[in-house]
N, C-alpha and C. Protein backbone atom coordinates (compact mmCIF):
# COMPACT_ATOMS: atom_id res chain seq x y z
N UNK A 1 45.69 191.07 27.44
CA UNK A 1 46.71 192.24 28.22
C UNK A 1 46.77 193.31 27.62
N UNK A 2 47.25 194.48 28.10
CA UNK A 2 47.28 195.77 27.30
C UNK A 2 48.64 196.41 28.23
N UNK A 3 49.20 196.93 27.89
CA UNK A 3 50.23 198.37 28.56
C UNK A 3 49.39 198.98 28.73
N UNK A 4 49.35 199.90 29.45
CA UNK A 4 48.69 200.82 30.14
C UNK A 4 49.85 202.07 30.67
N UNK A 5 49.61 203.30 30.16
CA UNK A 5 50.12 204.57 31.36
C UNK A 5 49.77 205.04 32.45
N UNK A 6 49.51 204.65 33.32
CA UNK A 6 49.03 204.16 34.95
C UNK A 6 49.67 206.10 35.11
N UNK A 7 50.59 206.31 35.37
CA UNK A 7 51.04 207.83 35.46
C UNK A 7 51.98 208.56 34.26
N UNK A 8 52.61 209.34 34.47
CA UNK A 8 53.69 210.00 33.50
C UNK A 8 55.24 209.40 34.54
N UNK A 9 55.69 208.26 33.39
CA UNK A 9 56.69 207.04 33.60
C UNK A 9 55.96 205.92 33.93
N UNK A 10 54.75 205.40 34.83
CA UNK A 10 54.50 204.38 35.29
C UNK A 10 53.45 203.52 34.40
N UNK A 11 54.23 202.83 33.87
CA UNK A 11 53.05 201.73 33.17
C UNK A 11 52.78 200.40 33.40
N UNK A 12 52.06 199.77 33.31
CA UNK A 12 51.02 198.50 34.15
C UNK A 12 50.71 197.62 33.02
N UNK A 13 50.58 196.66 32.94
CA UNK A 13 50.40 195.40 31.98
C UNK A 13 49.02 194.79 32.99
N UNK A 14 47.43 195.39 32.26
CA UNK A 14 46.49 194.75 32.54
C UNK A 14 45.84 194.52 31.93
N UNK A 15 44.64 193.11 32.12
CA UNK A 15 43.97 192.81 31.52
C UNK A 15 42.42 193.36 31.59
N UNK A 16 41.11 193.85 30.92
CA UNK A 16 40.31 194.39 30.89
C UNK A 16 39.94 194.65 32.44
N UNK A 17 39.22 193.39 33.03
CA UNK A 17 38.59 192.72 34.08
C UNK A 17 39.77 193.55 35.42
N UNK A 18 40.77 193.73 34.75
CA UNK A 18 41.82 194.40 35.64
C UNK A 18 42.32 195.89 35.70
N UNK A 19 41.47 196.41 34.66
CA UNK A 19 41.46 197.36 35.11
C UNK A 19 40.05 197.93 35.02
N UNK A 20 39.41 197.06 34.74
CA UNK A 20 37.65 197.37 35.39
C UNK A 20 37.87 197.29 37.09
N UNK A 21 38.60 196.99 37.45
CA UNK A 21 38.70 197.07 38.99
C UNK A 21 39.54 197.84 39.49
N UNK A 22 40.31 198.76 38.43
CA UNK A 22 41.10 199.47 39.04
C UNK A 22 40.57 200.77 39.11
N UNK A 23 39.54 200.56 38.30
CA UNK A 23 38.82 202.40 37.82
C UNK A 23 37.95 202.21 38.27
N UNK A 24 37.16 201.19 38.89
CA UNK A 24 35.80 201.11 39.30
C UNK A 24 35.41 202.55 40.43
N UNK A 25 36.13 202.88 41.01
CA UNK A 25 36.39 204.22 41.77
C UNK A 25 35.91 205.45 41.24
N UNK A 26 36.51 205.32 39.65
CA UNK A 26 35.93 206.32 38.99
C UNK A 26 34.89 206.60 38.24
N UNK A 27 34.32 205.28 38.05
CA UNK A 27 33.25 204.94 37.68
C UNK A 27 32.35 205.26 38.47
N UNK A 28 32.49 204.70 39.84
CA UNK A 28 31.59 205.30 40.75
C UNK A 28 31.17 206.55 40.85
N UNK A 29 32.41 207.51 40.91
CA UNK A 29 31.93 209.08 41.43
C UNK A 29 31.60 209.59 40.38
N UNK A 30 31.88 209.39 38.59
CA UNK A 30 30.63 210.04 37.37
C UNK A 30 29.31 209.08 37.77
N UNK A 31 29.36 207.57 37.75
CA UNK A 31 28.26 207.61 38.30
C UNK A 31 27.06 207.86 39.19
N UNK A 32 27.66 208.83 40.24
CA UNK A 32 27.11 208.78 41.58
C UNK A 32 26.74 210.69 41.53
N UNK A 33 27.07 211.34 40.51
CA UNK A 33 25.91 212.34 39.57
C UNK A 33 24.51 212.30 39.69
N UNK A 34 24.24 211.24 38.89
CA UNK A 34 23.28 210.80 38.68
C UNK A 34 22.55 210.22 39.76
N UNK A 35 23.07 209.63 41.16
CA UNK A 35 22.31 209.26 42.15
C UNK A 35 20.80 209.65 42.39
N UNK A 36 19.86 208.26 42.24
CA UNK A 36 18.43 209.09 42.20
C UNK A 36 17.93 209.44 41.07
N UNK A 37 18.37 210.21 39.96
CA UNK A 37 17.54 210.21 39.00
C UNK A 37 17.49 209.22 37.91
N UNK A 38 18.73 207.87 37.87
CA UNK A 38 18.65 207.35 36.81
C UNK A 38 18.90 205.95 37.36
N UNK A 39 18.43 204.51 36.86
CA UNK A 39 18.93 203.73 38.19
C UNK A 39 20.67 203.16 37.94
N UNK A 40 20.94 202.97 39.23
CA UNK A 40 22.60 202.95 39.25
C UNK A 40 23.23 202.01 38.25
N UNK A 41 22.35 200.54 38.69
CA UNK A 41 23.49 199.32 37.43
C UNK A 41 23.18 199.95 36.10
N UNK A 42 22.01 200.36 35.63
CA UNK A 42 22.09 200.87 34.14
C UNK A 42 23.61 202.21 33.60
N UNK A 43 23.80 202.98 35.05
CA UNK A 43 24.64 203.89 34.60
C UNK A 43 26.09 203.19 35.36
N UNK A 44 25.96 202.22 35.66
CA UNK A 44 27.00 201.44 35.78
C UNK A 44 27.77 201.02 34.21
N UNK A 45 26.59 200.06 34.13
CA UNK A 45 26.99 199.12 33.34
C UNK A 45 27.40 200.20 31.78
N UNK A 46 26.50 201.34 31.64
CA UNK A 46 26.55 202.64 30.66
C UNK A 46 28.35 202.81 30.75
N UNK A 47 28.90 203.05 32.00
CA UNK A 47 30.50 203.40 32.36
C UNK A 47 31.00 202.79 31.63
N UNK A 48 31.09 201.60 31.97
CA UNK A 48 31.77 199.96 31.95
C UNK A 48 31.97 199.73 30.79
N UNK A 49 31.21 199.89 29.60
CA UNK A 49 31.26 200.07 28.48
C UNK A 49 31.90 201.21 27.69
N UNK A 50 31.97 202.21 28.28
CA UNK A 50 32.61 203.03 27.82
C UNK A 50 33.84 202.76 28.35
N UNK A 51 34.43 202.19 29.15
CA UNK A 51 36.00 202.18 30.04
C UNK A 51 36.29 201.12 28.71
N UNK A 52 35.64 200.21 28.62
CA UNK A 52 35.89 199.30 27.54
C UNK A 52 36.42 199.79 26.07
N UNK A 53 35.35 200.88 26.09
CA UNK A 53 36.08 201.29 24.66
C UNK A 53 37.08 202.05 24.74
N UNK A 54 37.28 202.56 25.56
CA UNK A 54 38.55 203.64 26.33
C UNK A 54 39.83 202.06 25.86
N UNK A 55 39.65 200.88 26.92
CA UNK A 55 40.04 200.00 26.73
C UNK A 55 40.90 200.11 25.36
N UNK A 56 39.89 199.53 24.71
CA UNK A 56 40.17 198.70 23.38
C UNK A 56 41.16 199.79 22.60
N UNK A 57 40.34 201.49 22.70
CA UNK A 57 41.05 202.45 21.91
C UNK A 57 42.57 203.01 22.68
N UNK A 58 42.57 203.00 23.30
CA UNK A 58 43.99 203.18 24.35
C UNK A 58 45.53 202.72 23.27
N UNK A 59 46.22 203.96 22.81
CA UNK A 59 47.33 203.47 22.29
C UNK A 59 47.96 204.50 23.09
N UNK A 60 49.45 203.91 24.20
CA UNK A 60 50.13 204.22 24.78
C UNK A 60 51.09 205.28 23.94
N UNK A 61 51.16 205.03 22.62
CA UNK A 61 52.58 205.61 21.81
C UNK A 61 51.91 207.22 22.00
N UNK A 62 50.64 207.35 22.03
CA UNK A 62 50.76 209.05 21.98
C UNK A 62 50.62 209.65 23.13
N UNK A 63 51.28 209.42 24.24
CA UNK A 63 51.59 209.69 25.21
C UNK A 63 50.87 209.97 26.24
N UNK A 64 49.48 209.66 26.58
CA UNK A 64 48.75 209.97 27.61
C UNK A 64 48.78 208.66 28.20
N UNK A 65 48.31 209.68 29.47
CA UNK A 65 47.91 208.60 30.47
C UNK A 65 46.41 207.36 30.14
N UNK A 66 45.90 206.48 30.66
CA UNK A 66 44.96 205.68 30.50
C UNK A 66 43.43 206.14 30.74
N UNK A 67 43.73 206.95 31.91
CA UNK A 67 43.11 207.93 33.04
C UNK A 67 42.26 208.80 32.42
N UNK A 68 43.13 209.61 31.03
CA UNK A 68 42.96 210.48 30.51
C UNK A 68 41.77 210.44 29.50
N UNK A 69 42.05 209.10 28.92
CA UNK A 69 41.19 208.76 27.47
C UNK A 69 39.79 208.13 28.50
N UNK A 70 40.07 207.21 29.33
CA UNK A 70 38.82 207.15 30.40
C UNK A 70 37.92 207.68 31.10
N UNK A 71 39.10 208.65 31.46
CA UNK A 71 37.48 209.61 31.65
C UNK A 71 36.99 210.61 30.49
N UNK A 72 37.47 210.77 29.94
CA UNK A 72 36.32 211.33 28.93
C UNK A 72 35.32 210.55 28.29
N UNK A 73 36.15 209.32 28.24
CA UNK A 73 34.77 208.04 27.44
C UNK A 73 33.79 208.16 28.43
N UNK A 74 34.14 208.08 29.86
CA UNK A 74 33.03 207.48 30.61
C UNK A 74 31.76 208.93 30.80
N UNK A 75 32.63 209.99 30.87
CA UNK A 75 31.77 211.02 31.33
C UNK A 75 30.99 211.20 30.19
N UNK A 76 31.41 211.51 28.97
CA UNK A 76 30.81 211.77 27.27
C UNK A 76 29.47 211.07 27.59
N UNK A 77 29.90 209.08 27.76
CA UNK A 77 28.93 208.10 27.55
C UNK A 77 28.09 208.37 28.89
N UNK A 78 28.32 208.85 29.65
CA UNK A 78 27.01 209.18 30.89
C UNK A 78 26.02 210.00 30.39
N UNK A 79 26.91 211.61 30.11
CA UNK A 79 26.10 212.66 29.74
C UNK A 79 24.93 212.10 28.70
N UNK A 80 25.70 211.09 27.63
CA UNK A 80 24.48 211.22 26.14
C UNK A 80 23.77 209.84 26.82
N UNK A 81 23.69 209.52 27.96
CA UNK A 81 22.51 208.72 28.76
C UNK A 81 21.69 209.90 29.09
N UNK A 82 22.87 210.48 29.85
CA UNK A 82 21.48 211.31 30.41
C UNK A 82 20.45 212.59 29.70
N UNK A 83 21.47 212.83 28.72
CA UNK A 83 20.87 214.07 27.45
C UNK A 83 19.34 213.01 26.64
N UNK A 84 20.23 211.63 26.18
CA UNK A 84 18.59 211.02 25.97
C UNK A 84 17.80 210.41 26.53
N UNK A 85 17.97 210.91 27.80
CA UNK A 85 16.50 210.18 28.31
C UNK A 85 15.96 212.25 28.97
N UNK A 86 16.38 212.57 28.47
CA UNK A 86 15.50 214.71 29.37
C UNK A 86 15.73 215.12 28.35
N UNK A 87 16.27 215.46 26.56
CA UNK A 87 16.16 216.12 25.30
C UNK A 87 14.69 216.09 25.22
N UNK A 88 14.04 215.67 24.88
CA UNK A 88 12.30 215.72 24.44
C UNK A 88 12.05 216.74 26.03
N UNK A 89 12.51 216.79 27.08
CA UNK A 89 11.55 217.41 27.68
C UNK A 89 11.95 218.58 28.55
N UNK A 90 13.23 218.77 28.22
CA UNK A 90 13.78 219.98 28.58
C UNK A 90 14.50 220.98 27.56
N UNK A 91 14.04 220.34 26.25
CA UNK A 91 14.12 221.20 24.94
C UNK A 91 13.40 222.58 25.19
N UNK A 92 14.03 223.53 24.79
CA UNK A 92 12.78 224.92 24.41
C UNK A 92 11.73 225.15 24.07
N UNK A 93 11.45 223.98 22.83
CA UNK A 93 10.95 223.49 21.67
C UNK A 93 9.59 222.45 21.79
N UNK A 94 9.83 221.58 22.92
CA UNK A 94 9.59 220.62 23.50
C UNK A 94 7.98 220.44 23.05
N UNK A 95 7.06 221.24 24.03
CA UNK A 95 5.67 221.02 23.61
C UNK A 95 5.86 221.27 22.60
N UNK A 96 6.21 221.92 21.57
CA UNK A 96 5.51 222.11 19.92
C UNK A 96 6.03 220.57 19.76
N UNK A 97 7.78 220.12 19.88
CA UNK A 97 7.84 219.00 19.45
C UNK A 97 6.81 217.63 19.40
N UNK A 98 6.62 217.83 20.68
CA UNK A 98 5.79 216.77 20.89
C UNK A 98 4.39 216.66 20.01
N UNK A 99 3.85 217.41 19.72
CA UNK A 99 2.73 217.27 18.84
C UNK A 99 2.89 217.15 16.97
N UNK A 100 3.77 217.22 17.18
CA UNK A 100 4.74 217.05 15.63
C UNK A 100 5.21 215.93 15.38
N UNK A 101 5.10 215.07 14.43
CA UNK A 101 5.58 213.91 14.07
C UNK A 101 5.82 213.82 12.36
N UNK A 102 6.81 213.03 11.73
CA UNK A 102 6.84 213.20 10.21
C UNK A 102 5.25 212.33 9.91
N UNK A 103 3.96 211.92 10.58
CA UNK A 103 3.23 211.53 10.00
C UNK A 103 2.74 212.77 10.49
N UNK A 104 2.31 212.87 11.52
CA UNK A 104 1.24 214.62 11.53
C UNK A 104 1.79 215.41 10.55
N UNK A 105 3.23 215.85 10.15
CA UNK A 105 3.57 216.92 9.25
C UNK A 105 3.59 216.65 8.23
N UNK A 106 3.42 215.43 7.73
CA UNK A 106 2.58 214.62 6.49
C UNK A 106 1.17 215.59 5.72
N UNK A 107 0.43 215.72 7.04
CA UNK A 107 -0.64 216.18 7.24
C UNK A 107 -0.83 218.04 6.68
N UNK A 108 0.20 218.50 6.49
CA UNK A 108 0.94 219.75 5.76
C UNK A 108 0.13 219.56 4.60
N UNK A 109 0.20 218.74 3.56
CA UNK A 109 -0.15 218.55 2.36
C UNK A 109 -1.62 217.77 2.00
N UNK A 110 -2.34 217.44 3.34
CA UNK A 110 -3.83 216.72 3.36
C UNK A 110 -3.89 216.81 5.01
N UNK A 111 -5.07 217.36 4.65
CA UNK A 111 -5.99 217.46 5.67
C UNK A 111 -6.54 216.07 5.95
N UNK A 112 -6.69 215.39 7.07
CA UNK A 112 -7.69 214.11 7.17
C UNK A 112 -8.72 214.06 8.47
N UNK A 113 -7.98 213.88 9.22
CA UNK A 113 -8.13 213.55 10.80
C UNK A 113 -7.83 214.52 11.37
N UNK A 114 -8.59 214.38 12.70
CA UNK A 114 -8.53 215.72 13.93
C UNK A 114 -7.09 214.80 14.62
N UNK A 115 -6.36 215.41 15.03
CA UNK A 115 -5.10 214.81 16.09
C UNK A 115 -5.01 216.03 17.46
N UNK A 116 -4.89 215.32 18.46
CA UNK A 116 -5.25 216.14 19.61
C UNK A 116 -3.71 215.97 20.46
N UNK A 117 -3.39 216.82 21.32
CA UNK A 117 -2.29 216.31 21.95
C UNK A 117 -2.81 216.83 23.50
N UNK A 118 -3.00 216.12 24.69
CA UNK A 118 -3.84 216.55 25.98
C UNK A 118 -2.27 217.08 26.32
N UNK A 119 -2.51 218.14 26.92
CA UNK A 119 -1.46 219.10 27.78
C UNK A 119 -2.33 219.33 29.12
N UNK A 120 -0.91 219.51 29.72
CA UNK A 120 -1.79 219.53 31.33
C UNK A 120 -2.89 220.56 31.35
N UNK A 121 -2.72 221.78 30.85
CA UNK A 121 -3.84 222.66 30.62
C UNK A 121 -4.37 222.85 29.69
N UNK A 122 -5.01 222.66 28.37
CA UNK A 122 -5.61 221.88 27.51
C UNK A 122 -5.12 221.04 26.18
N UNK A 123 -6.14 220.85 25.64
CA UNK A 123 -6.44 219.88 24.52
C UNK A 123 -6.33 220.74 23.36
N UNK A 124 -4.82 220.69 22.46
CA UNK A 124 -4.66 221.42 21.55
C UNK A 124 -4.83 220.39 20.09
N UNK A 125 -5.49 220.66 19.23
CA UNK A 125 -6.13 220.44 17.88
C UNK A 125 -4.56 220.58 17.16
N UNK A 126 -4.30 219.18 16.65
CA UNK A 126 -3.18 219.46 15.80
C UNK A 126 -3.70 220.03 14.68
N UNK A 127 -4.76 220.04 14.06
CA UNK A 127 -4.72 221.06 12.91
C UNK A 127 -4.65 222.76 12.86
N UNK A 128 -4.92 222.94 14.25
CA UNK A 128 -4.04 224.53 14.48
C UNK A 128 -2.31 224.48 14.25
N UNK A 129 -1.95 223.92 14.94
CA UNK A 129 -0.45 223.43 14.87
C UNK A 129 -0.40 223.93 13.33
N UNK A 130 -0.75 222.89 12.41
CA UNK A 130 -0.25 222.69 10.77
C UNK A 130 -1.04 223.84 10.41
N UNK A 131 -1.62 224.83 10.66
CA UNK A 131 -2.29 225.83 10.40
C UNK A 131 -1.37 226.60 10.54
N UNK A 132 -1.19 226.89 11.73
CA UNK A 132 0.11 227.95 12.37
C UNK A 132 1.25 227.86 11.69
N UNK A 133 1.76 226.52 10.98
CA UNK A 133 2.67 226.36 10.29
C UNK A 133 2.88 226.48 9.15
N UNK A 134 1.73 226.52 8.52
CA UNK A 134 1.22 226.63 6.68
C UNK A 134 1.73 228.06 6.98
N UNK A 135 1.28 228.86 7.30
CA UNK A 135 1.68 230.52 7.41
C UNK A 135 2.84 230.90 7.38
N UNK A 136 3.92 229.85 7.65
CA UNK A 136 5.47 230.48 7.83
C UNK A 136 5.96 229.92 7.03
N UNK A 137 7.34 230.62 5.93
CA UNK A 137 7.84 230.77 5.24
C UNK A 137 8.06 229.31 4.50
N UNK A 138 8.76 229.26 3.52
CA UNK A 138 8.61 227.80 3.11
C UNK A 138 9.95 227.03 3.48
N UNK A 139 10.88 227.46 3.82
CA UNK A 139 12.68 227.09 4.08
C UNK A 139 12.21 227.07 6.04
N UNK A 140 10.72 228.23 6.39
CA UNK A 140 10.71 227.45 8.33
C UNK A 140 10.07 226.40 8.66
N UNK A 141 9.34 226.34 7.20
CA UNK A 141 7.91 224.81 7.52
C UNK A 141 8.79 223.98 7.23
N UNK A 142 9.87 223.57 6.24
CA UNK A 142 10.97 222.68 6.02
C UNK A 142 11.93 222.66 7.26
N UNK A 143 12.54 223.69 7.95
CA UNK A 143 13.13 223.17 9.09
C UNK A 143 12.47 222.67 10.10
N UNK A 144 10.95 223.19 10.41
CA UNK A 144 10.40 222.57 11.67
C UNK A 144 9.98 220.83 11.13
N UNK A 145 9.88 221.13 9.76
CA UNK A 145 9.69 219.40 9.20
C UNK A 145 10.83 218.34 9.75
N UNK A 146 12.27 219.00 9.34
CA UNK A 146 13.10 218.44 9.80
C UNK A 146 13.57 217.89 10.86
N UNK A 147 12.74 219.20 12.16
CA UNK A 147 13.05 219.48 13.48
C UNK A 147 12.33 217.91 14.20
N UNK A 148 11.02 218.05 13.32
CA UNK A 148 9.98 217.16 14.06
C UNK A 148 10.33 215.58 14.10
N UNK A 149 11.00 215.28 12.90
CA UNK A 149 11.62 213.69 12.58
C UNK A 149 12.80 214.00 12.96
N UNK A 150 13.67 214.74 14.00
CA UNK A 150 14.64 214.25 15.23
C UNK A 150 15.96 214.78 14.46
N UNK A 151 16.06 215.38 13.15
CA UNK A 151 17.23 215.80 12.94
C UNK A 151 17.85 217.53 14.23
N UNK A 152 19.27 217.28 14.11
CA UNK A 152 19.36 218.84 15.12
C UNK A 152 19.94 219.57 14.21
N UNK A 153 20.01 221.05 14.91
CA UNK A 153 20.48 222.09 14.49
C UNK A 153 21.14 222.33 13.10
N UNK A 154 22.29 221.81 13.03
CA UNK A 154 23.38 221.19 12.69
C UNK A 154 23.00 220.74 11.20
N UNK A 155 22.17 219.71 11.67
CA UNK A 155 22.25 218.61 10.16
C UNK A 155 21.06 219.32 9.75
N UNK A 156 20.09 219.93 9.95
CA UNK A 156 19.33 220.69 9.41
C UNK A 156 19.53 222.12 8.92
N UNK A 157 20.84 222.31 8.74
CA UNK A 157 21.48 223.79 8.40
C UNK A 157 22.58 223.16 7.38
N UNK A 158 22.29 221.79 7.26
CA UNK A 158 23.41 221.39 6.25
C UNK A 158 22.84 220.86 4.86
N UNK A 159 21.47 220.56 5.54
CA UNK A 159 20.41 219.82 4.59
C UNK A 159 19.56 221.24 3.58
N UNK A 160 19.65 222.83 4.48
CA UNK A 160 18.65 223.27 3.48
C UNK A 160 19.99 224.81 3.05
N UNK A 161 21.31 224.51 3.28
CA UNK A 161 22.43 225.32 2.89
C UNK A 161 22.06 226.43 4.12
N UNK A 162 22.21 226.72 5.47
CA UNK A 162 22.12 227.63 5.97
C UNK A 162 22.85 227.16 7.63
N UNK A 163 23.45 228.54 8.44
CA UNK A 163 24.29 228.06 9.00
C UNK A 163 23.40 227.66 10.81
N UNK A 164 23.67 226.56 10.98
CA UNK A 164 23.28 226.56 12.75
C UNK A 164 22.35 227.06 13.79
N UNK A 165 23.44 228.21 13.59
CA UNK A 165 22.54 229.67 14.33
C UNK A 165 21.25 229.81 13.39
N UNK A 166 21.33 230.23 12.76
CA UNK A 166 19.93 230.70 11.77
C UNK A 166 18.55 229.36 12.11
N UNK A 167 19.58 228.43 12.12
CA UNK A 167 18.64 227.38 12.39
C UNK A 167 17.55 227.87 13.52
N UNK A 168 18.66 228.16 15.05
CA UNK A 168 18.16 228.16 15.85
C UNK A 168 17.45 229.41 15.98
N UNK A 169 17.36 230.29 15.19
CA UNK A 169 17.05 231.60 15.20
C UNK A 169 15.55 231.47 15.18
N UNK A 170 15.20 230.79 13.86
CA UNK A 170 14.18 230.66 13.26
C UNK A 170 13.32 228.83 14.27
N UNK A 171 13.87 228.31 14.83
CA UNK A 171 13.22 227.67 15.87
C UNK A 171 12.42 228.40 16.74
N UNK A 172 13.46 228.97 17.34
CA UNK A 172 13.04 229.86 18.87
C UNK A 172 11.67 231.00 18.58
N UNK A 173 12.16 231.70 17.55
CA UNK A 173 10.71 232.54 16.83
C UNK A 173 9.35 232.04 16.11
N UNK A 174 10.12 230.89 15.69
CA UNK A 174 8.57 230.17 15.24
C UNK A 174 7.99 229.52 16.63
N UNK A 175 8.62 229.17 17.25
CA UNK A 175 8.27 228.65 18.63
C UNK A 175 7.08 229.58 19.65
N UNK A 176 8.23 231.04 19.69
CA UNK A 176 7.26 231.80 20.26
C UNK A 176 5.61 232.12 19.71
N UNK A 177 6.07 232.29 18.57
CA UNK A 177 4.32 232.18 17.44
C UNK A 177 3.44 231.34 17.55
N UNK A 178 3.94 229.78 17.66
CA UNK A 178 3.10 229.05 17.81
C UNK A 178 2.37 229.02 19.13
N UNK A 179 3.74 229.35 20.41
CA UNK A 179 3.49 228.85 21.60
C UNK A 179 1.84 230.33 21.98
N UNK A 180 2.53 231.14 21.21
CA UNK A 180 1.09 232.27 21.25
C UNK A 180 0.13 232.33 20.82
N UNK A 181 -0.16 231.71 19.21
CA UNK A 181 -1.39 231.17 18.53
C UNK A 181 -1.79 230.55 19.50
N UNK A 182 -1.53 229.41 20.17
CA UNK A 182 -2.07 228.12 20.95
C UNK A 182 -2.33 228.59 22.37
N UNK A 183 -1.90 230.12 22.82
CA UNK A 183 -2.10 230.49 24.26
C UNK A 183 -1.64 229.80 25.24
N UNK A 184 -0.34 228.83 24.65
CA UNK A 184 0.69 227.82 25.25
C UNK A 184 1.57 228.58 26.12
N UNK A 185 1.60 228.57 27.73
CA UNK A 185 2.99 229.36 28.23
C UNK A 185 3.87 229.47 27.54
N UNK A 186 4.39 230.59 27.70
CA UNK A 186 6.35 230.45 26.89
C UNK A 186 7.16 230.04 27.98
């Protein structure tokens, strides 16, 4: 049982189960934004876990209502759920990233096998991609290696000592070069 501020000056002692019942309409509202895109039960479960985290983290002494924390936690969890499932498809470098994995990028050091990506329009020889990347400056090759390994721009920037904005510009410009040389539509 935990004391929660419901509105300014209004408090209730609720167990998590009671809080879940009370905030189900909020969960439904936030989950319904992705109705038909993802399984409703998966999203509802994700939101319920976020509500549990909010319940556990809530501190009445901070002066905020529980709804404030619950809303932000649930919204953040649902957005992460969505982002985790769409990131590689919506990212503007996705076609390049699909063909680049850490194992494939090790071929920068040694050519062994031919790897292919089956694109909707054409088959791309991975060795072509590797030869294009070899033409990049050393820092750019390192950026693409880290990017293909799953690091985000700010993580890459910290690792090589540049700004995240500079990393984004390099990825964008290099991706244009790769797409142009592979004749993949922009």
